[in-house]
């Protein structure tokens, strides 16, 4: 990948998804060439069973990521949003 000042970073958050689903989403997104994914740990100081252990995903990619790969990322995120966040 390129240097960090040239990369685009996005935060993707889904309400109340369990850790396993966040990991599944990350695994699918990592299959898209040029996309890196990190799980961001929950930052809340209060424990709550309804909260996920993961607060969000951080996607990192180059500004010149192909249109096809951008669309693939959008399709993956839309699938999980439709499945788990309705």
PDB file of N, CA and C in Angstrom:
ATOM      1  N   UNK A   1       0.825  -1.188   0.000  1.00  0.00           N
ATOM      2  CA  UNK A   1       0.000   0.000   0.000  1.00  0.00           C
ATOM      3  C   UNK A   1       0.865   1.246   0.000  1.00  0.00           C
ATOM      4  N   UNK A   2       0.226   2.372  -0.228  1.00  0.00           N
ATOM      5  CA  UNK A   2       0.938   3.635  -0.301  1.00  0.00           C
ATOM      6  C   UNK A   2       1.136   4.209   1.094  1.00  0.00           C
ATOM      7  N   UNK A   3       1.855   5.348   1.178  1.00  0.00           N
ATOM      8  CA  UNK A   3       2.051   5.978   2.482  1.00  0.00           C
ATOM      9  C   UNK A   3       0.718   6.450   3.045  1.00  0.00           C
ATOM     10  N   UNK A   4       0.646   6.539   4.373  1.00  0.00           N
ATOM     11  CA  UNK A   4      -0.623   6.809   5.044  1.00  0.00           C
ATOM     12  C   UNK A   4      -1.222   8.165   4.696  1.00  0.00           C
ATOM     13  N   UNK A   5      -0.408   9.158   4.304  1.00  0.00           N
ATOM     14  CA  UNK A   5      -0.960  10.465   3.961  1.00  0.00           C
ATOM     15  C   UNK A   5      -1.655  10.448   2.602  1.00  0.00           C
ATOM     16  N   UNK A   6      -1.466   9.419   1.827  1.00  0.00           N
ATOM     17  CA  UNK A   6      -2.103   9.316   0.517  1.00  0.00           C
ATOM     18  C   UNK A   6      -3.326   8.410   0.537  1.00  0.00           C
ATOM     19  N   UNK A   7      -3.604   7.767   1.657  1.00  0.00           N
ATOM     20  CA  UNK A   7      -4.690   6.800   1.732  1.00  0.00           C
ATOM     21  C   UNK A   7      -5.981   7.439   2.230  1.00  0.00           C
ATOM     22  N   UNK A   8      -7.081   6.850   1.833  1.00  0.00           N
ATOM     23  CA  UNK A   8      -8.395   7.259   2.317  1.00  0.00           C
ATOM     24  C   UNK A   8      -8.788   6.286   3.416  1.00  0.00           C
ATOM     25  N   UNK A   9      -9.300   6.821   4.498  1.00  0.00           N
ATOM     26  CA  UNK A   9      -9.720   5.994   5.615  1.00  0.00           C
ATOM     27  C   UNK A   9     -11.183   6.296   5.920  1.00  0.00           C
ATOM     28  N   UNK A  10     -11.988   5.247   6.025  1.00  0.00           N
ATOM     29  CA  UNK A  10     -13.413   5.392   6.324  1.00  0.00           C
ATOM     30  C   UNK A  10     -13.761   4.570   7.544  1.00  0.00           C
ATOM     31  N   UNK A  11     -14.667   5.104   8.349  1.00  0.00           N
ATOM     32  CA  UNK A  11     -15.183   4.380   9.508  1.00  0.00           C
ATOM     33  C   UNK A  11     -16.572   3.866   9.140  1.00  0.00           C
ATOM     34  N   UNK A  12     -16.791   2.581   9.337  1.00  0.00           N
ATOM     35  CA  UNK A  12     -18.084   1.964   9.035  1.00  0.00           C
ATOM     36  C   UNK A  12     -18.617   1.362  10.327  1.00  0.00           C
ATOM     37  N   UNK A  13     -19.814   1.778  10.706  1.00  0.00           N
ATOM     38  CA  UNK A  13     -20.387   1.329  11.969  1.00  0.00           C
ATOM     39  C   UNK A  13     -21.788   0.776  11.742  1.00  0.00           C
ATOM     40  N   UNK A  14     -22.029  -0.395  12.305  1.00  0.00           N
ATOM     41  CA  UNK A  14     -23.345  -1.018  12.285  1.00  0.00           C
ATOM     42  C   UNK A  14     -23.801  -1.168  13.732  1.00  0.00           C
ATOM     43  N   UNK A  15     -24.992  -0.753  14.039  1.00  0.00           N
ATOM     44  CA  UNK A  15     -25.480  -0.803  15.418  1.00  0.00           C
ATOM     45  C   UNK A  15     -25.673  -2.239  15.898  1.00  0.00           C
ATOM     46  N   UNK A  16     -25.087  -2.539  17.035  1.00  0.00           N
ATOM     47  CA  UNK A  16     -25.328  -3.771  17.784  1.00  0.00           C
ATOM     48  C   UNK A  16     -25.005  -5.075  17.069  1.00  0.00           C
ATOM     49  N   UNK A  17     -24.070  -5.067  16.149  1.00  0.00           N
ATOM     50  CA  UNK A  17     -23.668  -6.325  15.524  1.00  0.00           C
ATOM     51  C   UNK A  17     -22.715  -7.077  16.437  1.00  0.00           C
ATOM     52  N   UNK A  18     -22.840  -8.386  16.510  1.00  0.00           N
ATOM     53  CA  UNK A  18     -21.891  -9.156  17.321  1.00  0.00           C
ATOM     54  C   UNK A  18     -20.519  -9.219  16.647  1.00  0.00           C
ATOM     55  N   UNK A  19     -19.520  -9.557  17.461  1.00  0.00           N
ATOM     56  CA  UNK A  19     -18.145  -9.650  16.999  1.00  0.00           C
ATOM     57  C   UNK A  19     -18.014 -10.560  15.785  1.00  0.00           C
ATOM     58  N   UNK A  20     -18.678 -11.705  15.810  1.00  0.00           N
ATOM     59  CA  UNK A  20     -18.564 -12.675  14.711  1.00  0.00           C
ATOM     60  C   UNK A  20     -19.003 -12.071  13.374  1.00  0.00           C
ATOM     61  N   UNK A  21     -20.053 -11.273  13.386  1.00  0.00           N
ATOM     62  CA  UNK A  21     -20.540 -10.673  12.136  1.00  0.00           C
ATOM     63  C   UNK A  21     -19.565  -9.606  11.660  1.00  0.00           C
ATOM     64  N   UNK A  22     -19.047  -8.794  12.574  1.00  0.00           N
ATOM     65  CA  UNK A  22     -18.033  -7.810  12.182  1.00  0.00           C
ATOM     66  C   UNK A  22     -16.829  -8.512  11.557  1.00  0.00           C
ATOM     67  N   UNK A  23     -16.432  -9.637  12.137  1.00  0.00           N
ATOM     68  CA  UNK A  23     -15.279 -10.371  11.592  1.00  0.00           C
ATOM     69  C   UNK A  23     -15.600 -10.938  10.209  1.00  0.00           C
ATOM     70  N   UNK A  24     -16.828 -11.379  10.018  1.00  0.00           N
ATOM     71  CA  UNK A  24     -17.245 -11.897   8.705  1.00  0.00           C
ATOM     72  C   UNK A  24     -17.219 -10.780   7.662  1.00  0.00           C
ATOM     73  N   UNK A  25     -17.734  -9.615   8.024  1.00  0.00           N
ATOM     74  CA  UNK A  25     -17.712  -8.471   7.110  1.00  0.00           C
ATOM     75  C   UNK A  25     -16.266  -8.122   6.742  1.00  0.00           C
ATOM     76  N   UNK A  26     -15.409  -8.068   7.760  1.00  0.00           N
ATOM     77  CA  UNK A  26     -13.997  -7.743   7.521  1.00  0.00           C
ATOM     78  C   UNK A  26     -13.353  -8.763   6.590  1.00  0.00           C
ATOM     79  N   UNK A  27     -13.658 -10.035   6.789  1.00  0.00           N
ATOM     80  CA  UNK A  27     -13.083 -11.082   5.931  1.00  0.00           C
ATOM     81  C   UNK A  27     -13.520 -10.892   4.482  1.00  0.00           C
ATOM     82  N   UNK A  28     -14.778 -10.549   4.270  1.00  0.00           N
ATOM     83  CA  UNK A  28     -15.262 -10.330   2.903  1.00  0.00           C
ATOM     84  C   UNK A  28     -14.613  -9.091   2.285  1.00  0.00           C
ATOM     85  N   UNK A  29     -14.504  -8.029   3.055  1.00  0.00           N
ATOM     86  CA  UNK A  29     -13.910  -6.801   2.530  1.00  0.00           C
ATOM     87  C   UNK A  29     -12.429  -6.975   2.218  1.00  0.00           C
ATOM     88  N   UNK A  30     -11.737  -7.795   2.995  1.00  0.00           N
ATOM     89  CA  UNK A  30     -10.311  -8.025   2.752  1.00  0.00           C
ATOM     90  C   UNK A  30     -10.060  -8.768   1.441  1.00  0.00           C
ATOM     91  N   UNK A  31     -11.085  -9.380   0.888  1.00  0.00           N
ATOM     92  CA  UNK A  31     -10.949 -10.067  -0.390  1.00  0.00           C
ATOM     93  C   UNK A  31     -10.936  -9.096  -1.565  1.00  0.00           C
ATOM     94  N   UNK A  32     -11.322  -7.852  -1.316  1.00  0.00           N
ATOM     95  CA  UNK A  32     -11.312  -6.833  -2.366  1.00  0.00           C
ATOM     96  C   UNK A  32      -9.890  -6.283  -2.454  1.00  0.00           C
ATOM     97  N   UNK A  33      -9.291  -6.421  -3.626  1.00  0.00           N
ATOM     98  CA  UNK A  33      -7.907  -5.984  -3.822  1.00  0.00           C
ATOM     99  C   UNK A  33      -7.771  -4.489  -3.570  1.00  0.00           C
ATOM    100  N   UNK A  34      -6.786  -4.136  -2.739  1.00  0.00           N
ATOM    101  CA  UNK A  34      -6.513  -2.731  -2.453  1.00  0.00           C
ATOM    102  C   UNK A  34      -7.211  -2.198  -1.223  1.00  0.00           C
ATOM    103  N   UNK A  35      -8.013  -3.024  -0.564  1.00  0.00           N
ATOM    104  CA  UNK A  35      -8.749  -2.585   0.623  1.00  0.00           C
ATOM    105  C   UNK A  35      -8.176  -3.282   1.853  1.00  0.00           C
ATOM    106  N   UNK A  36      -7.872  -2.490   2.871  1.00  0.00           N
ATOM    107  CA  UNK A  36      -7.440  -3.024   4.157  1.00  0.00           C
ATOM    108  C   UNK A  36      -8.526  -2.716   5.178  1.00  0.00           C
ATOM    109  N   UNK A  37      -8.720  -3.640   6.122  1.00  0.00           N
ATOM    110  CA  UNK A  37      -9.783  -3.494   7.108  1.00  0.00           C
ATOM    111  C   UNK A  37      -9.225  -3.779   8.495  1.00  0.00           C
ATOM    112  N   UNK A  38      -9.571  -2.919   9.447  1.00  0.00           N
ATOM    113  CA  UNK A  38      -9.220  -3.131  10.848  1.00  0.00           C
ATOM    114  C   UNK A  38     -10.485  -3.058  11.684  1.00  0.00           C
ATOM    115  N   UNK A  39     -10.566  -3.915  12.685  1.00  0.00           N
ATOM    116  CA  UNK A  39     -11.663  -3.860  13.645  1.00  0.00           C
ATOM    117  C   UNK A  39     -11.302  -2.853  14.727  1.00  0.00           C
ATOM    118  N   UNK A  40     -12.196  -1.929  15.016  1.00  0.00           N
ATOM    119  CA  UNK A  40     -11.980  -0.922  16.047  1.00  0.00           C
ATOM    120  C   UNK A  40     -12.722  -1.355  17.311  1.00  0.00           C
ATOM    121  N   UNK A  41     -11.994  -1.536  18.382  1.00  0.00           N
ATOM    122  CA  UNK A  41     -12.585  -2.013  19.636  1.00  0.00           C
ATOM    123  C   UNK A  41     -13.573  -1.002  20.213  1.00  0.00           C
ATOM    124  N   UNK A  42     -14.523  -1.517  20.954  1.00  0.00           N
ATOM    125  CA  UNK A  42     -15.515  -0.690  21.629  1.00  0.00           C
ATOM    126  C   UNK A  42     -14.807   0.278  22.578  1.00  0.00           C
ATOM    127  N   UNK A  43     -15.178   1.547  22.532  1.00  0.00           N
ATOM    128  CA  UNK A  43     -14.516   2.559  23.361  1.00  0.00           C
ATOM    129  C   UNK A  43     -15.327   2.951  24.583  1.00  0.00           C
ATOM    130  N   UNK A  44     -16.527   2.434  24.694  1.00  0.00           N
ATOM    131  CA  UNK A  44     -17.369   2.773  25.839  1.00  0.00           C
ATOM    132  C   UNK A  44     -16.752   2.264  27.135  1.00  0.00           C
ATOM    133  N   UNK A  45     -16.809   3.067  28.158  1.00  0.00           N
ATOM    134  CA  UNK A  45     -16.286   2.681  29.472  1.00  0.00           C
ATOM    135  C   UNK A  45     -17.284   1.831  30.258  1.00  0.00           C
ATOM    136  N   UNK A  46     -18.543   1.850  29.841  1.00  0.00           N
ATOM    137  CA  UNK A  46     -19.597   1.095  30.515  1.00  0.00           C
ATOM    138  C   UNK A  46     -19.876  -0.203  29.769  1.00  0.00           C
ATOM    139  N   UNK A  47     -19.869  -1.322  30.498  1.00  0.00           N
ATOM    140  CA  UNK A  47     -20.191  -2.596  29.873  1.00  0.00           C
ATOM    141  C   UNK A  47     -21.696  -2.692  29.661  1.00  0.00           C
ATOM    142  N   UNK A  48     -22.085  -3.144  28.488  1.00  0.00           N
ATOM    143  CA  UNK A  48     -23.492  -3.297  28.151  1.00  0.00           C
ATOM    144  C   UNK A  48     -23.617  -4.513  27.245  1.00  0.00           C
ATOM    145  N   UNK A  49     -24.429  -5.493  27.649  1.00  0.00           N
ATOM    146  CA  UNK A  49     -24.581  -6.705  26.860  1.00  0.00           C
ATOM    147  C   UNK A  49     -25.096  -6.425  25.451  1.00  0.00           C
ATOM    148  N   UNK A  50     -25.848  -5.342  25.283  1.00  0.00           N
ATOM    149  CA  UNK A  50     -26.408  -5.046  23.958  1.00  0.00           C
ATOM    150  C   UNK A  50     -25.385  -4.414  23.025  1.00  0.00           C
ATOM    151  N   UNK A  51     -24.224  -4.010  23.539  1.00  0.00           N
ATOM    152  CA  UNK A  51     -23.192  -3.438  22.689  1.00  0.00           C
ATOM    153  C   UNK A  51     -22.279  -4.529  22.149  1.00  0.00           C
ATOM    154  N   UNK A  52     -21.814  -4.313  20.945  1.00  0.00           N
ATOM    155  CA  UNK A  52     -20.845  -5.216  20.350  1.00  0.00           C
ATOM    156  C   UNK A  52     -19.480  -4.991  20.986  1.00  0.00           C
ATOM    157  N   UNK A  53     -18.622  -5.981  20.896  1.00  0.00           N
ATOM    158  CA  UNK A  53     -17.237  -5.807  21.332  1.00  0.00           C
ATOM    159  C   UNK A  53     -16.476  -4.928  20.349  1.00  0.00           C
ATOM    160  N   UNK A  54     -17.037  -4.764  19.164  1.00  0.00           N
ATOM    161  CA  UNK A  54     -16.431  -3.946  18.124  1.00  0.00           C
ATOM    162  C   UNK A  54     -17.273  -2.695  17.939  1.00  0.00           C
ATOM    163  N   UNK A  55     -16.612  -1.553  17.883  1.00  0.00           N
ATOM    164  CA  UNK A  55     -17.329  -0.298  17.680  1.00  0.00           C
ATOM    165  C   UNK A  55     -17.555  -0.014  16.198  1.00  0.00           C
ATOM    166  N   UNK A  56     -16.533  -0.346  15.384  1.00  0.00           N
ATOM    167  CA  UNK A  56     -16.646  -0.046  13.959  1.00  0.00           C
ATOM    168  C   UNK A  56     -15.545  -0.764  13.185  1.00  0.00           C
ATOM    169  N   UNK A  57     -15.651  -0.647  11.878  1.00  0.00           N
ATOM    170  CA  UNK A  57     -14.592  -1.108  10.974  1.00  0.00           C
ATOM    171  C   UNK A  57     -13.894   0.113  10.420  1.00  0.00           C
ATOM    172  N   UNK A  58     -12.599   0.046  10.228  1.00  0.00           N
ATOM    173  CA  UNK A  58     -11.875   1.114   9.548  1.00  0.00           C
ATOM    174  C   UNK A  58     -11.377   0.551   8.226  1.00  0.00           C
ATOM    175  N   UNK A  59     -11.893   1.127   7.138  1.00  0.00           N
ATOM    176  CA  UNK A  59     -11.468   0.740   5.787  1.00  0.00           C
ATOM    177  C   UNK A  59     -10.401   1.719   5.335  1.00  0.00           C
ATOM    178  N   UNK A  60      -9.345   1.200   4.753  1.00  0.00           N
ATOM    179  CA  UNK A  60      -8.269   2.033   4.232  1.00  0.00           C
ATOM    180  C   UNK A  60      -7.978   1.587   2.804  1.00  0.00           C
ATOM    181  N   UNK A  61      -7.905   2.579   1.901  1.00  0.00           N
ATOM    182  CA  UNK A  61      -7.626   2.264   0.506  1.00  0.00           C
ATOM    183  C   UNK A  61      -7.043   3.486  -0.189  1.00  0.00           C
ATOM    184  N   UNK A  62      -6.420   3.250  -1.311  1.00  0.00           N
ATOM    185  CA  UNK A  62      -5.820   4.336  -2.101  1.00  0.00           C
ATOM    186  C   UNK A  62      -6.911   5.097  -2.845  1.00  0.00           C
ATOM    187  N   UNK A  63      -6.691   6.393  -3.082  1.00  0.00           N
ATOM    188  CA  UNK A  63      -7.678   7.178  -3.817  1.00  0.00           C
ATOM    189  C   UNK A  63      -7.928   6.654  -5.234  1.00  0.00           C
ATOM    190  N   UNK A  64      -6.965   5.922  -5.779  1.00  0.00           N
ATOM    191  CA  UNK A  64      -7.126   5.408  -7.144  1.00  0.00           C
ATOM    192  C   UNK A  64      -7.688   3.983  -7.158  1.00  0.00           C
ATOM    193  N   UNK A  65      -8.342   3.567  -6.082  1.00  0.00           N
ATOM    194  CA  UNK A  65      -8.988   2.253  -6.058  1.00  0.00           C
ATOM    195  C   UNK A  65      -9.960   2.182  -7.234  1.00  0.00           C
ATOM    196  N   UNK A  66      -9.939   1.089  -7.936  1.00  0.00           N
ATOM    197  CA  UNK A  66     -10.768   0.982  -9.144  1.00  0.00           C
ATOM    198  C   UNK A  66     -12.258   1.104  -8.813  1.00  0.00           C
ATOM    199  N   UNK A  67     -12.997   1.576  -9.791  1.00  0.00           N
ATOM    200  CA  UNK A  67     -14.440   1.720  -9.633  1.00  0.00           C
ATOM    201  C   UNK A  67     -15.086   0.373  -9.333  1.00  0.00           C
ATOM    202  N   UNK A  68     -14.628  -0.672  -9.981  1.00  0.00           N
ATOM    203  CA  UNK A  68     -15.167  -2.009  -9.750  1.00  0.00           C
ATOM    204  C   UNK A  68     -14.959  -2.437  -8.294  1.00  0.00           C
ATOM    205  N   UNK A  69     -13.783  -2.155  -7.758  1.00  0.00           N
ATOM    206  CA  UNK A  69     -13.507  -2.521  -6.370  1.00  0.00           C
ATOM    207  C   UNK A  69     -14.312  -1.666  -5.392  1.00  0.00           C
ATOM    208  N   UNK A  70     -14.497  -0.392  -5.704  1.00  0.00           N
ATOM    209  CA  UNK A  70     -15.344   0.469  -4.855  1.00  0.00           C
ATOM    210  C   UNK A  70     -16.775  -0.053  -4.837  1.00  0.00           C
ATOM    211  N   UNK A  71     -17.269  -0.429  -5.996  1.00  0.00           N
ATOM    212  CA  UNK A  71     -18.633  -0.963  -6.081  1.00  0.00           C
ATOM    213  C   UNK A  71     -18.753  -2.280  -5.319  1.00  0.00           C
ATOM    214  N   UNK A  72     -17.713  -3.096  -5.361  1.00  0.00           N
ATOM    215  CA  UNK A  72     -17.729  -4.359  -4.620  1.00  0.00           C
ATOM    216  C   UNK A  72     -17.806  -4.090  -3.118  1.00  0.00           C
ATOM    217  N   UNK A  73     -17.047  -3.120  -2.634  1.00  0.00           N
ATOM    218  CA  UNK A  73     -17.103  -2.739  -1.217  1.00  0.00           C
ATOM    219  C   UNK A  73     -18.519  -2.276  -0.869  1.00  0.00           C
ATOM    220  N   UNK A  74     -19.106  -1.430  -1.704  1.00  0.00           N
ATOM    221  CA  UNK A  74     -20.463  -0.937  -1.463  1.00  0.00           C
ATOM    222  C   UNK A  74     -21.467  -2.081  -1.429  1.00  0.00           C
ATOM    223  N   UNK A  75     -21.324  -3.049  -2.335  1.00  0.00           N
ATOM    224  CA  UNK A  75     -22.231  -4.197  -2.370  1.00  0.00           C
ATOM    225  C   UNK A  75     -22.117  -5.037  -1.103  1.00  0.00           C
ATOM    226  N   UNK A  76     -20.897  -5.256  -0.644  1.00  0.00           N
ATOM    227  CA  UNK A  76     -20.687  -6.043   0.577  1.00  0.00           C
ATOM    228  C   UNK A  76     -21.317  -5.333   1.775  1.00  0.00           C
ATOM    229  N   UNK A  77     -21.054  -4.036   1.912  1.00  0.00           N
ATOM    230  CA  UNK A  77     -21.611  -3.285   3.033  1.00  0.00           C
ATOM    231  C   UNK A  77     -23.136  -3.221   2.970  1.00  0.00           C
ATOM    232  N   UNK A  78     -23.681  -3.051   1.775  1.00  0.00           N
ATOM    233  CA  UNK A  78     -25.136  -3.005   1.613  1.00  0.00           C
ATOM    234  C   UNK A  78     -25.775  -4.338   1.979  1.00  0.00           C
ATOM    235  N   UNK A  79     -25.136  -5.432   1.604  1.00  0.00           N
ATOM    236  CA  UNK A  79     -25.653  -6.762   1.942  1.00  0.00           C
ATOM    237  C   UNK A  79     -25.795  -6.907   3.458  1.00  0.00           C
ATOM    238  N   UNK A  80     -24.746  -6.584   4.181  1.00  0.00           N
ATOM    239  CA  UNK A  80     -24.793  -6.744   5.640  1.00  0.00           C
ATOM    240  C   UNK A  80     -25.735  -5.744   6.296  1.00  0.00           C
ATOM    241  N   UNK A  81     -25.812  -4.554   5.758  1.00  0.00           N
ATOM    242  CA  UNK A  81     -26.757  -3.571   6.315  1.00  0.00           C
ATOM    243  C   UNK A  81     -28.194  -4.061   6.125  1.00  0.00           C
ATOM    244  N   UNK A  82     -28.508  -4.571   4.938  1.00  0.00           N
ATOM    245  CA  UNK A  82     -29.857  -5.071   4.676  1.00  0.00           C
ATOM    246  C   UNK A  82     -30.167  -6.304   5.512  1.00  0.00           C
ATOM    247  N   UNK A  83     -29.186  -7.129   5.735  1.00  0.00           N
ATOM    248  CA  UNK A  83     -29.409  -8.378   6.472  1.00  0.00           C
ATOM    249  C   UNK A  83     -29.535  -8.167   7.976  1.00  0.00           C
ATOM    250  N   UNK A  84     -28.724  -7.291   8.548  1.00  0.00           N
ATOM    251  CA  UNK A  84     -28.658  -7.173   9.996  1.00  0.00           C
ATOM    252  C   UNK A  84     -29.183  -5.863  10.584  1.00  0.00           C
ATOM    253  N   UNK A  85     -29.405  -4.871   9.781  1.00  0.00           N
ATOM    254  CA  UNK A  85     -29.743  -3.549  10.331  1.00  0.00           C
ATOM    255  C   UNK A  85     -31.110  -3.041   9.901  1.00  0.00           C
ATOM    256  N   UNK A  86     -32.016  -3.931   9.635  1.00  0.00           N
ATOM    257  CA  UNK A  86     -33.357  -3.470   9.230  1.00  0.00           C
ATOM    258  C   UNK A  86     -34.324  -3.532  10.365  1.00  0.00           C
TER     259      UNK A  86
END
